[in-house]
PDB file of N, CA and C in Angstrom:
ATOM      1  N   MET A   1     136.113 -30.360  18.003  1.00  0.00           N
ATOM      2  CA  MET A   1     134.811 -29.721  17.956  1.00  0.00           C
ATOM      3  C   MET A   1     134.937 -28.273  18.395  1.00  0.00           C
ATOM      4  N   TYR A   2     134.259 -27.394  17.685  1.00  0.00           N
ATOM      5  CA  TYR A   2     134.181 -26.001  18.085  1.00  0.00           C
ATOM      6  C   TYR A   2     133.150 -25.904  19.195  1.00  0.00           C
ATOM      7  N   ASN A   3     133.399 -25.061  20.147  1.00  0.00           N
ATOM      8  CA  ASN A   3     132.482 -24.959  21.269  1.00  0.00           C
ATOM      9  C   ASN A   3     132.306 -23.491  21.617  1.00  0.00           C
ATOM     10  N   ILE A   4     131.081 -23.014  21.534  1.00  0.00           N
ATOM     11  CA  ILE A   4     130.776 -21.623  21.815  1.00  0.00           C
ATOM     12  C   ILE A   4     130.120 -21.551  23.181  1.00  0.00           C
ATOM     13  N   ARG A   5     130.851 -20.999  24.149  1.00  0.00           N
ATOM     14  CA  ARG A   5     130.323 -20.864  25.509  1.00  0.00           C
ATOM     15  C   ARG A   5     129.791 -22.179  26.065  1.00  0.00           C
ATOM     16  N   GLY A   6     130.454 -23.283  25.750  1.00  0.00           N
ATOM     17  CA  GLY A   6     130.058 -24.569  26.293  1.00  0.00           C
ATOM     18  C   GLY A   6     128.821 -25.175  25.662  1.00  0.00           C
ATOM     19  N   ARG A   7     128.416 -24.653  24.515  1.00  0.00           N
ATOM     20  CA  ARG A   7     127.204 -25.155  23.855  1.00  0.00           C
ATOM     21  C   ARG A   7     127.597 -25.965  22.627  1.00  0.00           C
ATOM     22  N   ASN A   8     126.808 -26.989  22.310  1.00  0.00           N
ATOM     23  CA  ASN A   8     127.093 -27.766  21.108  1.00  0.00           C
ATOM     24  C   ASN A   8     125.819 -28.146  20.349  1.00  0.00           C
ATOM     25  N   LYS A   9     124.694 -27.460  20.628  1.00  0.00           N
ATOM     26  CA  LYS A   9     123.441 -27.736  19.926  1.00  0.00           C
ATOM     27  C   LYS A   9     123.066 -26.530  19.069  1.00  0.00           C
ATOM     28  N   VAL A  10     122.646 -26.806  17.837  1.00  0.00           N
ATOM     29  CA  VAL A  10     122.275 -25.745  16.898  1.00  0.00           C
ATOM     30  C   VAL A  10     120.938 -26.103  16.265  1.00  0.00           C
ATOM     31  N   VAL A  11     120.024 -25.132  16.196  1.00  0.00           N
ATOM     32  CA  VAL A  11     118.765 -25.302  15.479  1.00  0.00           C
ATOM     33  C   VAL A  11     118.829 -24.389  14.263  1.00  0.00           C
ATOM     34  N   LEU A  12     118.642 -24.964  13.079  1.00  0.00           N
ATOM     35  CA  LEU A  12     118.669 -24.201  11.832  1.00  0.00           C
ATOM     36  C   LEU A  12     117.238 -23.879  11.422  1.00  0.00           C
ATOM     37  N   HIS A  13     116.990 -22.592  11.222  1.00  0.00           N
ATOM     38  CA  HIS A  13     115.651 -22.128  10.857  1.00  0.00           C
ATOM     39  C   HIS A  13     115.791 -21.049   9.796  1.00  0.00           C
ATOM     40  N   SER A  14     115.017 -21.135   8.741  1.00  0.00           N
ATOM     41  CA  SER A  14     115.066 -20.152   7.666  1.00  0.00           C
ATOM     42  C   SER A  14     114.278 -18.897   8.048  1.00  0.00           C
ATOM     43  N   PHE A  15     114.930 -17.750   7.868  1.00  0.00           N
ATOM     44  CA  PHE A  15     114.256 -16.474   8.054  1.00  0.00           C
ATOM     45  C   PHE A  15     114.055 -15.795   6.702  1.00  0.00           C
ATOM     46  N   GLY A  16     113.929 -16.609   5.651  1.00  0.00           N
ATOM     47  CA  GLY A  16     113.816 -16.102   4.293  1.00  0.00           C
ATOM     48  C   GLY A  16     112.636 -15.177   4.073  1.00  0.00           C
ATOM     49  N   HIS A  17     111.595 -15.320   4.849  1.00  0.00           N
ATOM     50  CA  HIS A  17     110.418 -14.474   4.674  1.00  0.00           C
ATOM     51  C   HIS A  17     110.733 -13.006   4.959  1.00  0.00           C
ATOM     52  N   LEU A  18     111.885 -12.717   5.568  1.00  0.00           N
ATOM     53  CA  LEU A  18     112.267 -11.343   5.873  1.00  0.00           C
ATOM     54  C   LEU A  18     113.001 -10.669   4.719  1.00  0.00           C
ATOM     55  N   SER A  19     113.398 -11.436   3.724  1.00  0.00           N
ATOM     56  CA  SER A  19     114.206 -10.910   2.631  1.00  0.00           C
ATOM     57  C   SER A  19     113.348 -10.389   1.488  1.00  0.00           C
ATOM     58  N   GLU A  20     113.909  -9.402   0.765  1.00  0.00           N
ATOM     59  CA  GLU A  20     113.213  -8.897  -0.421  1.00  0.00           C
ATOM     60  C   GLU A  20     113.407  -9.840  -1.601  1.00  0.00           C
ATOM     61  N   SER A  21     114.503 -10.577  -1.621  1.00  0.00           N
ATOM     62  CA  SER A  21     114.762 -11.518  -2.713  1.00  0.00           C
ATOM     63  C   SER A  21     114.927 -12.915  -2.117  1.00  0.00           C
ATOM     64  N   LYS A  22     114.302 -13.878  -2.763  1.00  0.00           N
ATOM     65  CA  LYS A  22     114.305 -15.229  -2.210  1.00  0.00           C
ATOM     66  C   LYS A  22     114.778 -16.231  -3.255  1.00  0.00           C
ATOM     67  N   SER A  23     115.387 -17.299  -2.785  1.00  0.00           N
ATOM     68  CA  SER A  23     115.754 -18.410  -3.662  1.00  0.00           C
ATOM     69  C   SER A  23     114.558 -19.356  -3.733  1.00  0.00           C
ATOM     70  N   SER A  24     114.721 -20.384  -4.514  1.00  0.00           N
ATOM     71  CA  SER A  24     113.685 -21.419  -4.537  1.00  0.00           C
ATOM     72  C   SER A  24     113.732 -22.185  -3.211  1.00  0.00           C
ATOM     73  N   ILE A  25     112.631 -22.812  -2.858  1.00  0.00           N
ATOM     74  CA  ILE A  25     112.571 -23.604  -1.629  1.00  0.00           C
ATOM     75  C   ILE A  25     113.592 -24.743  -1.701  1.00  0.00           C
ATOM     76  N   GLU A  26     113.722 -25.363  -2.877  1.00  0.00           N
ATOM     77  CA  GLU A  26     114.663 -26.469  -3.039  1.00  0.00           C
ATOM     78  C   GLU A  26     116.105 -26.019  -2.778  1.00  0.00           C
ATOM     79  N   PHE A  27     116.481 -24.859  -3.315  1.00  0.00           N
ATOM     80  CA  PHE A  27     117.838 -24.343  -3.097  1.00  0.00           C
ATOM     81  C   PHE A  27     118.074 -24.078  -1.612  1.00  0.00           C
ATOM     82  N   ALA A  28     117.109 -23.418  -0.967  1.00  0.00           N
ATOM     83  CA  ALA A  28     117.250 -23.082   0.450  1.00  0.00           C
ATOM     84  C   ALA A  28     117.359 -24.346   1.306  1.00  0.00           C
ATOM     85  N   GLU A  29     116.518 -25.344   1.026  1.00  0.00           N
ATOM     86  CA  GLU A  29     116.580 -26.590   1.794  1.00  0.00           C
ATOM     87  C   GLU A  29     117.917 -27.290   1.598  1.00  0.00           C
ATOM     88  N   ASP A  30     118.417 -27.309   0.360  1.00  0.00           N
ATOM     89  CA  ASP A  30     119.724 -27.926   0.100  1.00  0.00           C
ATOM     90  C   ASP A  30     120.834 -27.186   0.833  1.00  0.00           C
ATOM     91  N   ALA A  31     120.785 -25.845   0.821  1.00  0.00           N
ATOM     92  CA  ALA A  31     121.813 -25.045   1.499  1.00  0.00           C
ATOM     93  C   ALA A  31     121.802 -25.312   3.001  1.00  0.00           C
ATOM     94  N   ILE A  32     120.614 -25.361   3.602  1.00  0.00           N
ATOM     95  CA  ILE A  32     120.515 -25.609   5.043  1.00  0.00           C
ATOM     96  C   ILE A  32     121.008 -27.023   5.378  1.00  0.00           C
ATOM     97  N   LYS A  33     120.724 -27.986   4.508  1.00  0.00           N
ATOM     98  CA  LYS A  33     121.209 -29.356   4.742  1.00  0.00           C
ATOM     99  C   LYS A  33     122.735 -29.424   4.678  1.00  0.00           C
ATOM    100  N   ILE A  34     123.337 -28.667   3.761  1.00  0.00           N
ATOM    101  CA  ILE A  34     124.806 -28.620   3.671  1.00  0.00           C
ATOM    102  C   ILE A  34     125.384 -28.014   4.950  1.00  0.00           C
ATOM    103  N   ILE A  35     124.773 -26.927   5.418  1.00  0.00           N
ATOM    104  CA  ILE A  35     125.224 -26.295   6.669  1.00  0.00           C
ATOM    105  C   ILE A  35     125.073 -27.277   7.827  1.00  0.00           C
ATOM    106  N   ARG A  36     123.927 -27.973   7.878  1.00  0.00           N
ATOM    107  CA  ARG A  36     123.693 -28.968   8.936  1.00  0.00           C
ATOM    108  C   ARG A  36     124.778 -30.046   8.914  1.00  0.00           C
ATOM    109  N   ASP A  37     125.075 -30.560   7.733  1.00  0.00           N
ATOM    110  CA  ASP A  37     126.079 -31.624   7.611  1.00  0.00           C
ATOM    111  C   ASP A  37     127.458 -31.146   8.053  1.00  0.00           C
ATOM    112  N   LYS A  38     127.823 -29.916   7.709  1.00  0.00           N
ATOM    113  CA  LYS A  38     129.130 -29.380   8.110  1.00  0.00           C
ATOM    114  C   LYS A  38     129.197 -29.179   9.627  1.00  0.00           C
ATOM    115  N   LEU A  39     128.109 -28.683  10.219  1.00  0.00           N
ATOM    116  CA  LEU A  39     128.088 -28.518  11.671  1.00  0.00           C
ATOM    117  C   LEU A  39     128.166 -29.871  12.374  1.00  0.00           C
ATOM    118  N   THR A  40     127.431 -30.848  11.857  1.00  0.00           N
ATOM    119  CA  THR A  40     127.442 -32.188  12.440  1.00  0.00           C
ATOM    120  C   THR A  40     128.844 -32.794  12.373  1.00  0.00           C
ATOM    121  N   SER A  41     129.533 -32.591  11.252  1.00  0.00           N
ATOM    122  CA  SER A  41     130.887 -33.140  11.109  1.00  0.00           C
ATOM    123  C   SER A  41     131.873 -32.485  12.068  1.00  0.00           C
ATOM    124  N   LYS A  42     131.535 -31.289  12.569  1.00  0.00           N
ATOM    125  CA  LYS A  42     132.387 -30.597  13.545  1.00  0.00           C
ATOM    126  C   LYS A  42     132.005 -30.947  14.977  1.00  0.00           C
ATOM    127  N   GLY A  43     131.004 -31.828  15.145  1.00  0.00           N
ATOM    128  CA  GLY A  43     130.638 -32.280  16.475  1.00  0.00           C
ATOM    129  C   GLY A  43     129.427 -31.596  17.083  1.00  0.00           C
ATOM    130  N   PHE A  44     128.747 -30.753  16.312  1.00  0.00           N
ATOM    131  CA  PHE A  44     127.546 -30.102  16.827  1.00  0.00           C
ATOM    132  C   PHE A  44     126.342 -31.016  16.660  1.00  0.00           C
ATOM    133  N   GLU A  45     125.434 -30.960  17.613  1.00  0.00           N
ATOM    134  CA  GLU A  45     124.150 -31.643  17.507  1.00  0.00           C
ATOM    135  C   GLU A  45     123.209 -30.671  16.817  1.00  0.00           C
ATOM    136  N   THR A  46     122.700 -31.032  15.644  1.00  0.00           N
ATOM    137  CA  THR A  46     121.898 -30.090  14.868  1.00  0.00           C
ATOM    138  C   THR A  46     120.484 -30.617  14.640  1.00  0.00           C
ATOM    139  N   SER A  47     119.562 -29.682  14.480  1.00  0.00           N
ATOM    140  CA  SER A  47     118.207 -30.012  14.055  1.00  0.00           C
ATOM    141  C   SER A  47     117.722 -28.881  13.168  1.00  0.00           C
ATOM    142  N   MET A  48     116.723 -29.183  12.350  1.00  0.00           N
ATOM    143  CA  MET A  48     116.178 -28.206  11.411  1.00  0.00           C
ATOM    144  C   MET A  48     114.684 -28.053  11.646  1.00  0.00           C
ATOM    145  N   THR A  49     114.197 -26.832  11.520  1.00  0.00           N
ATOM    146  CA  THR A  49     112.759 -26.614  11.574  1.00  0.00           C
ATOM    147  C   THR A  49     112.194 -26.867  10.175  1.00  0.00           C
ATOM    148  N   PRO A  50     110.934 -27.258  10.064  1.00  0.00           N
ATOM    149  CA  PRO A  50     110.345 -27.490   8.741  1.00  0.00           C
ATOM    150  C   PRO A  50     110.296 -26.199   7.919  1.00  0.00           C
ATOM    151  N   SER A  51     110.547 -26.305   6.627  1.00  0.00           N
ATOM    152  CA  SER A  51     110.488 -25.138   5.743  1.00  0.00           C
ATOM    153  C   SER A  51     109.059 -24.643   5.613  1.00  0.00           C
ATOM    154  N   GLY A  52     108.916 -23.328   5.577  1.00  0.00           N
ATOM    155  CA  GLY A  52     107.608 -22.730   5.362  1.00  0.00           C
ATOM    156  C   GLY A  52     106.753 -22.593   6.599  1.00  0.00           C
ATOM    157  N   TYR A  53     107.237 -23.039   7.735  1.00  0.00           N
ATOM    158  CA  TYR A  53     106.461 -22.941   8.971  1.00  0.00           C
ATOM    159  C   TYR A  53     106.832 -21.659   9.699  1.00  0.00           C
ATOM    160  N   LEU A  54     105.878 -21.061  10.333  1.00  0.00           N
ATOM    161  CA  LEU A  54     106.136 -19.904  11.182  1.00  0.00           C
ATOM    162  C   LEU A  54     106.117 -20.388  12.622  1.00  0.00           C
ATOM    163  N   PHE A  55     107.077 -19.936  13.390  1.00  0.00           N
ATOM    164  CA  PHE A  55     107.192 -20.361  14.776  1.00  0.00           C
ATOM    165  C   PHE A  55     107.220 -19.153  15.684  1.00  0.00           C
ATOM    166  N   GLU A  56     106.733 -19.331  16.864  1.00  0.00           N
ATOM    167  CA  GLU A  56     106.883 -18.328  17.901  1.00  0.00           C
ATOM    168  C   GLU A  56     107.759 -18.954  18.970  1.00  0.00           C
ATOM    169  N   PHE A  57     108.866 -18.312  19.264  1.00  0.00           N
ATOM    170  CA  PHE A  57     109.759 -18.844  20.276  1.00  0.00           C
ATOM    171  C   PHE A  57     110.511 -17.707  20.938  1.00  0.00           C
ATOM    172  N   LYS A  58     111.038 -17.979  22.091  1.00  0.00           N
ATOM    173  CA  LYS A  58     111.850 -17.018  22.820  1.00  0.00           C
ATOM    174  C   LYS A  58     113.284 -17.533  22.829  1.00  0.00           C
ATOM    175  N   ILE A  59     114.217 -16.623  22.662  1.00  0.00           N
ATOM    176  CA  ILE A  59     115.617 -17.013  22.687  1.00  0.00           C
ATOM    177  C   ILE A  59     116.350 -16.031  23.597  1.00  0.00           C
ATOM    178  N   HIS A  60     117.166 -16.556  24.456  1.00  0.00           N
ATOM    179  CA  HIS A  60     117.940 -15.730  25.372  1.00  0.00           C
ATOM    180  C   HIS A  60     119.416 -15.943  25.065  1.00  0.00           C
ATOM    181  N   VAL A  61     120.124 -14.849  24.895  1.00  0.00           N
ATOM    182  CA  VAL A  61     121.540 -14.939  24.561  1.00  0.00           C
ATOM    183  C   VAL A  61     122.327 -13.978  25.437  1.00  0.00           C
ATOM    184  N   LYS A  62     123.604 -14.273  25.597  1.00  0.00           N
ATOM    185  CA  LYS A  62     124.493 -13.358  26.298  1.00  0.00           C
ATOM    186  C   LYS A  62     124.987 -12.333  25.290  1.00  0.00           C
ATOM    187  N   GLY A  63     124.911 -11.073  25.634  1.00  0.00           N
ATOM    188  CA  GLY A  63     125.385 -10.028  24.726  1.00  0.00           C
ATOM    189  C   GLY A  63     124.430  -9.835  23.564  1.00  0.00           C
ATOM    190  N   GLU A  64     124.921  -9.124  22.541  1.00  0.00           N
ATOM    191  CA  GLU A  64     124.095  -8.864  21.370  1.00  0.00           C
ATOM    192  C   GLU A  64     124.028 -10.099  20.489  1.00  0.00           C
ATOM    193  N   SER A  65     122.861 -10.345  19.924  1.00  0.00           N
ATOM    194  CA  SER A  65     122.682 -11.524  19.086  1.00  0.00           C
ATOM    195  C   SER A  65     122.505 -11.095  17.635  1.00  0.00           C
ATOM    196  N   LEU A  66     123.493 -11.420  16.817  1.00  0.00           N
ATOM    197  CA  LEU A  66     123.363 -11.142  15.387  1.00  0.00           C
ATOM    198  C   LEU A  66     122.331 -12.058  14.752  1.00  0.00           C
ATOM    199  N   ALA A  67     121.983 -13.151  15.419  1.00  0.00           N
ATOM    200  CA  ALA A  67     121.001 -14.087  14.882  1.00  0.00           C
ATOM    201  C   ALA A  67     119.604 -13.467  14.882  1.00  0.00           C
ATOM    202  N   LYS A  68     119.390 -12.435  15.664  1.00  0.00           N
ATOM    203  CA  LYS A  68     118.066 -11.814  15.720  1.00  0.00           C
ATOM    204  C   LYS A  68     117.984 -10.573  14.837  1.00  0.00           C
ATOM    205  N   VAL A  69     119.030 -10.292  14.039  1.00  0.00           N
ATOM    206  CA  VAL A  69     119.072  -9.103  13.204  1.00  0.00           C
ATOM    207  C   VAL A  69     119.069  -9.525  11.750  1.00  0.00           C
ATOM    208  N   TRP A  70     118.245  -8.863  10.940  1.00  0.00           N
ATOM    209  CA  TRP A  70     118.224  -9.150   9.508  1.00  0.00           C
ATOM    210  C   TRP A  70     118.836  -7.975   8.767  1.00  0.00           C
ATOM    211  N   LYS A  71     119.746  -8.247   7.843  1.00  0.00           N
ATOM    212  CA  LYS A  71     120.401  -7.201   7.059  1.00  0.00           C
ATOM    213  C   LYS A  71     120.396  -7.614   5.604  1.00  0.00           C
ATOM    214  N   SER A  72     119.773  -6.825   4.746  1.00  0.00           N
ATOM    215  CA  SER A  72     119.826  -7.085   3.310  1.00  0.00           C
ATOM    216  C   SER A  72     121.014  -6.331   2.743  1.00  0.00           C
ATOM    217  N   ILE A  73     121.792  -7.022   1.923  1.00  0.00           N
ATOM    218  CA  ILE A  73     122.978  -6.386   1.329  1.00  0.00           C
ATOM    219  C   ILE A  73     122.758  -6.215  -0.158  1.00  0.00           C
TER     220      ILE A  73
END
């Protein structure tokens, strides 16, 4: 199992609303499920937020968090 700073839990949440170009909801859900399955097979405990929901949450990380940055390429 891969272990990042002693953590093994991952929450997958789509930030697609920030992008100028979007895939279909079905494609995005399938992609997130594939990512979830791969993380689970590596020993991570994973959960997914419902698609299309907006959430307000606080996240605290050590150092800079690339997860909080959106970059369109």
